[in-house]
């Protein structure tokens, strides 16, 4: 198998693992409501279990159960149906571009690995949230961040991490030249 085929296979494995972990965690949260109420930035009530505290004892990150029709932890709600419809094919396409940039000639082994990881996280996160939104009409969020008042899920985190890695890959390739 060539370098490109290995890269696509590796990104596919990471995407599949991302989807599996995200969907399993969402199913668990939906099946296990917990006591306690928190309100997110839109005033929606959610069950809460604190998992990270700051030094004053305030809950910084909590496990919650929130149904979200928006994107990016519920922070984007205007036109979210259209945005979701556009994001579903767009993020894996960005992942493909990252994979191409990282697997092309002149890329170091570290660059190839980073491109595979970034592309897999982007594709897996986008597909997991996208399919859930198409099937259920909304996404299940479970990581409530009190400072921002937003709730996130594993797919949101994967998309964010994939974007960071992707920016690094593309930036490094631009600095070095696409030789």
C-alpha atoms as a PDB file:
ATOM      1  CA  UNK A   1       0.000   0.000   0.000  1.00  0.00           C
ATOM      2  CA  UNK A   2       1.316   3.456  -0.868  1.00  0.00           C
ATOM      3  CA  UNK A   3       1.744   6.430   1.434  1.00  0.00           C
ATOM      4  CA  UNK A   4      -1.534   8.045   0.316  1.00  0.00           C
ATOM      5  CA  UNK A   5      -3.541   4.835   0.789  1.00  0.00           C
ATOM      6  CA  UNK A   6      -2.056   4.323   4.257  1.00  0.00           C
ATOM      7  CA  UNK A   7      -2.896   7.935   5.155  1.00  0.00           C
ATOM      8  CA  UNK A   8      -6.513   7.550   4.041  1.00  0.00           C
ATOM      9  CA  UNK A   9      -6.831   4.235   5.889  1.00  0.00           C
ATOM     10  CA  UNK A  10      -5.332   5.738   9.057  1.00  0.00           C
ATOM     11  CA  UNK A  11      -7.633   8.773   8.904  1.00  0.00           C
ATOM     12  CA  UNK A  12     -10.597   6.437   8.376  1.00  0.00           C
ATOM     13  CA  UNK A  13      -9.695   4.395  11.446  1.00  0.00           C
ATOM     14  CA  UNK A  14      -9.401   7.561  13.549  1.00  0.00           C
ATOM     15  CA  UNK A  15     -12.718   8.853  12.159  1.00  0.00           C
ATOM     16  CA  UNK A  16     -14.457   5.543  12.941  1.00  0.00           C
ATOM     17  CA  UNK A  17     -13.037   5.521  16.484  1.00  0.00           C
ATOM     18  CA  UNK A  18     -14.146   9.140  16.969  1.00  0.00           C
ATOM     19  CA  UNK A  19     -17.679   8.315  15.807  1.00  0.00           C
ATOM     20  CA  UNK A  20     -17.849   5.221  18.031  1.00  0.00           C
ATOM     21  CA  UNK A  21     -16.630   6.995  21.159  1.00  0.00           C
ATOM     22  CA  UNK A  22     -18.850  10.028  20.548  1.00  0.00           C
ATOM     23  CA  UNK A  23     -22.009   8.030  19.878  1.00  0.00           C
ATOM     24  CA  UNK A  24     -21.407   5.674  22.825  1.00  0.00           C
ATOM     25  CA  UNK A  25     -20.887   8.596  25.212  1.00  0.00           C
ATOM     26  CA  UNK A  26     -24.029  10.328  23.920  1.00  0.00           C
ATOM     27  CA  UNK A  27     -26.103   7.158  24.301  1.00  0.00           C
ATOM     28  CA  UNK A  28     -24.819   6.719  27.858  1.00  0.00           C
ATOM     29  CA  UNK A  29     -25.657  10.306  28.825  1.00  0.00           C
ATOM     30  CA  UNK A  30     -29.121  10.087  27.247  1.00  0.00           C
ATOM     31  CA  UNK A  31     -29.781   6.865  29.163  1.00  0.00           C
ATOM     32  CA  UNK A  32     -28.587   8.114  32.563  1.00  0.00           C
ATOM     33  CA  UNK A  33     -30.166  11.358  33.803  1.00  0.00           C
ATOM     34  CA  UNK A  34     -28.434  12.664  36.915  1.00  0.00           C
ATOM     35  CA  UNK A  35     -29.651  14.924  39.734  1.00  0.00           C
ATOM     36  CA  UNK A  36     -28.829  18.630  39.838  1.00  0.00           C
ATOM     37  CA  UNK A  37     -29.757  21.426  37.474  1.00  0.00           C
ATOM     38  CA  UNK A  38     -27.557  23.819  35.539  1.00  0.00           C
ATOM     39  CA  UNK A  39     -28.624  26.377  32.969  1.00  0.00           C
ATOM     40  CA  UNK A  40     -26.563  26.885  29.860  1.00  0.00           C
ATOM     41  CA  UNK A  41     -26.076  30.235  28.099  1.00  0.00           C
ATOM     42  CA  UNK A  42     -29.518  29.936  26.479  1.00  0.00           C
ATOM     43  CA  UNK A  43     -31.289  29.299  29.789  1.00  0.00           C
ATOM     44  CA  UNK A  44     -31.940  25.596  29.126  1.00  0.00           C
ATOM     45  CA  UNK A  45     -31.959  23.339  32.193  1.00  0.00           C
ATOM     46  CA  UNK A  46     -29.654  20.325  32.240  1.00  0.00           C
ATOM     47  CA  UNK A  47     -28.763  17.547  34.719  1.00  0.00           C
ATOM     48  CA  UNK A  48     -25.235  18.112  36.087  1.00  0.00           C
ATOM     49  CA  UNK A  49     -22.370  16.094  37.606  1.00  0.00           C
ATOM     50  CA  UNK A  50     -19.262  18.176  38.452  1.00  0.00           C
ATOM     51  CA  UNK A  51     -15.944  16.713  37.238  1.00  0.00           C
ATOM     52  CA  UNK A  52     -13.457  19.631  37.372  1.00  0.00           C
ATOM     53  CA  UNK A  53     -13.382  22.316  40.076  1.00  0.00           C
ATOM     54  CA  UNK A  54     -11.337  25.499  40.271  1.00  0.00           C
ATOM     55  CA  UNK A  55      -9.514  26.502  43.473  1.00  0.00           C
ATOM     56  CA  UNK A  56     -12.603  28.233  44.885  1.00  0.00           C
ATOM     57  CA  UNK A  57     -14.639  25.037  44.555  1.00  0.00           C
ATOM     58  CA  UNK A  58     -16.686  26.302  41.609  1.00  0.00           C
ATOM     59  CA  UNK A  59     -17.615  23.679  39.032  1.00  0.00           C
ATOM     60  CA  UNK A  60     -15.588  24.516  35.931  1.00  0.00           C
ATOM     61  CA  UNK A  61     -16.530  21.485  33.850  1.00  0.00           C
ATOM     62  CA  UNK A  62     -19.519  19.257  34.489  1.00  0.00           C
ATOM     63  CA  UNK A  63     -21.162  16.280  32.850  1.00  0.00           C
ATOM     64  CA  UNK A  64     -24.623  17.384  31.713  1.00  0.00           C
ATOM     65  CA  UNK A  65     -27.400  16.259  29.411  1.00  0.00           C
ATOM     66  CA  UNK A  66     -28.440  18.986  26.960  1.00  0.00           C
ATOM     67  CA  UNK A  67     -30.194  18.608  23.616  1.00  0.00           C
ATOM     68  CA  UNK A  68     -28.681  21.161  21.230  1.00  0.00           C
ATOM     69  CA  UNK A  69     -30.047  22.258  17.880  1.00  0.00           C
ATOM     70  CA  UNK A  70     -27.113  24.612  17.244  1.00  0.00           C
ATOM     71  CA  UNK A  71     -23.435  24.041  16.512  1.00  0.00           C
ATOM     72  CA  UNK A  72     -20.155  24.463  18.381  1.00  0.00           C
ATOM     73  CA  UNK A  73     -21.474  23.781  21.863  1.00  0.00           C
ATOM     74  CA  UNK A  74     -24.732  25.566  21.117  1.00  0.00           C
ATOM     75  CA  UNK A  75     -22.947  28.858  20.558  1.00  0.00           C
ATOM     76  CA  UNK A  76     -24.174  28.996  16.943  1.00  0.00           C
ATOM     77  CA  UNK A  77     -27.952  28.740  16.714  1.00  0.00           C
ATOM     78  CA  UNK A  78     -28.981  31.200  13.989  1.00  0.00           C
ATOM     79  CA  UNK A  79     -29.280  29.331  10.698  1.00  0.00           C
ATOM     80  CA  UNK A  80     -27.898  26.210  12.359  1.00  0.00           C
ATOM     81  CA  UNK A  81     -29.807  23.843  10.065  1.00  0.00           C
ATOM     82  CA  UNK A  82     -28.183  25.410   7.014  1.00  0.00           C
ATOM     83  CA  UNK A  83     -24.814  25.602   8.779  1.00  0.00           C
ATOM     84  CA  UNK A  84     -25.075  21.928   9.758  1.00  0.00           C
ATOM     85  CA  UNK A  85     -25.996  20.930   6.212  1.00  0.00           C
ATOM     86  CA  UNK A  86     -22.940  22.806   4.914  1.00  0.00           C
ATOM     87  CA  UNK A  87     -20.588  21.601   7.654  1.00  0.00           C
ATOM     88  CA  UNK A  88     -21.318  17.910   7.140  1.00  0.00           C
ATOM     89  CA  UNK A  89     -19.508  17.705   3.776  1.00  0.00           C
ATOM     90  CA  UNK A  90     -17.210  20.687   4.359  1.00  0.00           C
ATOM     91  CA  UNK A  91     -15.238  19.454   7.382  1.00  0.00           C
ATOM     92  CA  UNK A  92     -14.322  16.063   5.861  1.00  0.00           C
ATOM     93  CA  UNK A  93     -13.323  17.948   2.683  1.00  0.00           C
ATOM     94  CA  UNK A  94     -11.022  20.153   4.788  1.00  0.00           C
ATOM     95  CA  UNK A  95      -9.695  16.938   6.333  1.00  0.00           C
ATOM     96  CA  UNK A  96      -8.958  15.636   2.831  1.00  0.00           C
ATOM     97  CA  UNK A  97      -7.028  18.794   2.003  1.00  0.00           C
ATOM     98  CA  UNK A  98      -5.028  18.432   5.216  1.00  0.00           C
ATOM     99  CA  UNK A  99      -4.342  14.804   4.396  1.00  0.00           C
ATOM    100  CA  UNK A 100      -3.107  15.823   0.948  1.00  0.00           C
ATOM    101  CA  UNK A 101      -0.886  18.567   2.386  1.00  0.00           C
ATOM    102  CA  UNK A 102       0.619  16.254   4.980  1.00  0.00           C
ATOM    103  CA  UNK A 103       1.060  13.197   2.785  1.00  0.00           C
ATOM    104  CA  UNK A 104       2.489  14.956  -0.270  1.00  0.00           C
ATOM    105  CA  UNK A 105       6.130  14.704  -1.268  1.00  0.00           C
ATOM    106  CA  UNK A 106       8.569  16.364   1.059  1.00  0.00           C
ATOM    107  CA  UNK A 107       6.443  15.900   4.176  1.00  0.00           C
ATOM    108  CA  UNK A 108       8.245  14.581   7.224  1.00  0.00           C
ATOM    109  CA  UNK A 109       6.955  11.464   9.015  1.00  0.00           C
ATOM    110  CA  UNK A 110       5.681  13.683  11.858  1.00  0.00           C
ATOM    111  CA  UNK A 111       3.810  15.849   9.335  1.00  0.00           C
ATOM    112  CA  UNK A 112       2.234  12.743   7.799  1.00  0.00           C
ATOM    113  CA  UNK A 113       1.082  11.486  11.187  1.00  0.00           C
ATOM    114  CA  UNK A 114      -0.296  14.895  12.154  1.00  0.00           C
ATOM    115  CA  UNK A 115      -2.218  15.149   8.884  1.00  0.00           C
ATOM    116  CA  UNK A 116      -3.753  11.695   9.402  1.00  0.00           C
ATOM    117  CA  UNK A 117      -4.794  12.550  12.964  1.00  0.00           C
ATOM    118  CA  UNK A 118      -6.184  15.980  12.008  1.00  0.00           C
ATOM    119  CA  UNK A 119      -8.127  14.635   9.024  1.00  0.00           C
ATOM    120  CA  UNK A 120      -9.518  11.701  11.022  1.00  0.00           C
ATOM    121  CA  UNK A 121     -10.680  13.902  13.895  1.00  0.00           C
ATOM    122  CA  UNK A 122     -12.310  16.426  11.536  1.00  0.00           C
ATOM    123  CA  UNK A 123     -14.103  13.787   9.494  1.00  0.00           C
ATOM    124  CA  UNK A 124     -15.173  11.708  12.508  1.00  0.00           C
ATOM    125  CA  UNK A 125     -16.475  14.692  14.474  1.00  0.00           C
ATOM    126  CA  UNK A 126     -18.342  16.168  11.519  1.00  0.00           C
ATOM    127  CA  UNK A 127     -19.897  12.856  10.510  1.00  0.00           C
ATOM    128  CA  UNK A 128     -20.890  11.924  14.070  1.00  0.00           C
ATOM    129  CA  UNK A 129     -22.643  15.241  14.771  1.00  0.00           C
ATOM    130  CA  UNK A 130     -24.017  15.465  11.235  1.00  0.00           C
ATOM    131  CA  UNK A 131     -25.607  12.025  11.262  1.00  0.00           C
ATOM    132  CA  UNK A 132     -27.054  12.603  14.735  1.00  0.00           C
ATOM    133  CA  UNK A 133     -28.553  15.907  13.602  1.00  0.00           C
ATOM    134  CA  UNK A 134     -30.043  14.289  10.489  1.00  0.00           C
ATOM    135  CA  UNK A 135     -31.490  11.351  12.470  1.00  0.00           C
ATOM    136  CA  UNK A 136     -32.527  13.066  15.720  1.00  0.00           C
ATOM    137  CA  UNK A 137     -32.760  16.725  14.631  1.00  0.00           C
ATOM    138  CA  UNK A 138     -30.352  17.832  17.362  1.00  0.00           C
ATOM    139  CA  UNK A 139     -27.096  16.830  19.025  1.00  0.00           C
ATOM    140  CA  UNK A 140     -26.585  15.549  22.554  1.00  0.00           C
ATOM    141  CA  UNK A 141     -24.077  17.644  24.522  1.00  0.00           C
ATOM    142  CA  UNK A 142     -22.518  16.542  27.788  1.00  0.00           C
ATOM    143  CA  UNK A 143     -19.481  18.646  28.761  1.00  0.00           C
ATOM    144  CA  UNK A 144     -20.715  21.875  30.342  1.00  0.00           C
ATOM    145  CA  UNK A 145     -18.104  24.633  30.702  1.00  0.00           C
ATOM    146  CA  UNK A 146     -19.346  27.108  33.293  1.00  0.00           C
ATOM    147  CA  UNK A 147     -17.150  30.065  32.247  1.00  0.00           C
ATOM    148  CA  UNK A 148     -18.588  30.100  28.728  1.00  0.00           C
ATOM    149  CA  UNK A 149     -22.025  28.681  29.516  1.00  0.00           C
ATOM    150  CA  UNK A 150     -21.731  26.217  26.642  1.00  0.00           C
ATOM    151  CA  UNK A 151     -22.145  22.451  26.498  1.00  0.00           C
ATOM    152  CA  UNK A 152     -20.069  20.309  24.147  1.00  0.00           C
ATOM    153  CA  UNK A 153     -19.835  16.685  23.068  1.00  0.00           C
ATOM    154  CA  UNK A 154     -17.012  14.423  21.946  1.00  0.00           C
ATOM    155  CA  UNK A 155     -17.544  15.282  18.275  1.00  0.00           C
ATOM    156  CA  UNK A 156     -17.251  19.019  19.036  1.00  0.00           C
ATOM    157  CA  UNK A 157     -13.975  18.384  20.881  1.00  0.00           C
ATOM    158  CA  UNK A 158     -12.691  16.203  18.006  1.00  0.00           C
ATOM    159  CA  UNK A 159     -13.545  18.917  15.458  1.00  0.00           C
ATOM    160  CA  UNK A 160     -11.748  21.550  17.555  1.00  0.00           C
ATOM    161  CA  UNK A 161      -8.674  19.359  18.032  1.00  0.00           C
ATOM    162  CA  UNK A 162      -8.714  18.393  14.351  1.00  0.00           C
ATOM    163  CA  UNK A 163      -8.829  22.055  13.345  1.00  0.00           C
ATOM    164  CA  UNK A 164      -5.865  22.904  15.586  1.00  0.00           C
ATOM    165  CA  UNK A 165      -3.799  20.039  14.183  1.00  0.00           C
ATOM    166  CA  UNK A 166      -4.896  20.932  10.644  1.00  0.00           C
ATOM    167  CA  UNK A 167      -3.888  24.566  11.030  1.00  0.00           C
ATOM    168  CA  UNK A 168      -0.502  23.360  12.250  1.00  0.00           C
ATOM    169  CA  UNK A 169      -0.054  21.022   9.275  1.00  0.00           C
ATOM    170  CA  UNK A 170      -1.115  23.592   6.706  1.00  0.00           C
ATOM    171  CA  UNK A 171       0.898  26.352   8.392  1.00  0.00           C
ATOM    172  CA  UNK A 172       4.031  24.219   8.532  1.00  0.00           C
ATOM    173  CA  UNK A 173       3.641  23.244   4.885  1.00  0.00           C
ATOM    174  CA  UNK A 174       3.187  26.890   3.882  1.00  0.00           C
ATOM    175  CA  UNK A 175       6.287  27.927   5.841  1.00  0.00           C
ATOM    176  CA  UNK A 176       8.374  25.106   4.349  1.00  0.00           C
ATOM    177  CA  UNK A 177       6.780  25.354   0.926  1.00  0.00           C
ATOM    178  CA  UNK A 178       4.691  22.599  -0.632  1.00  0.00           C
ATOM    179  CA  UNK A 179       7.740  21.181  -2.471  1.00  0.00           C
END
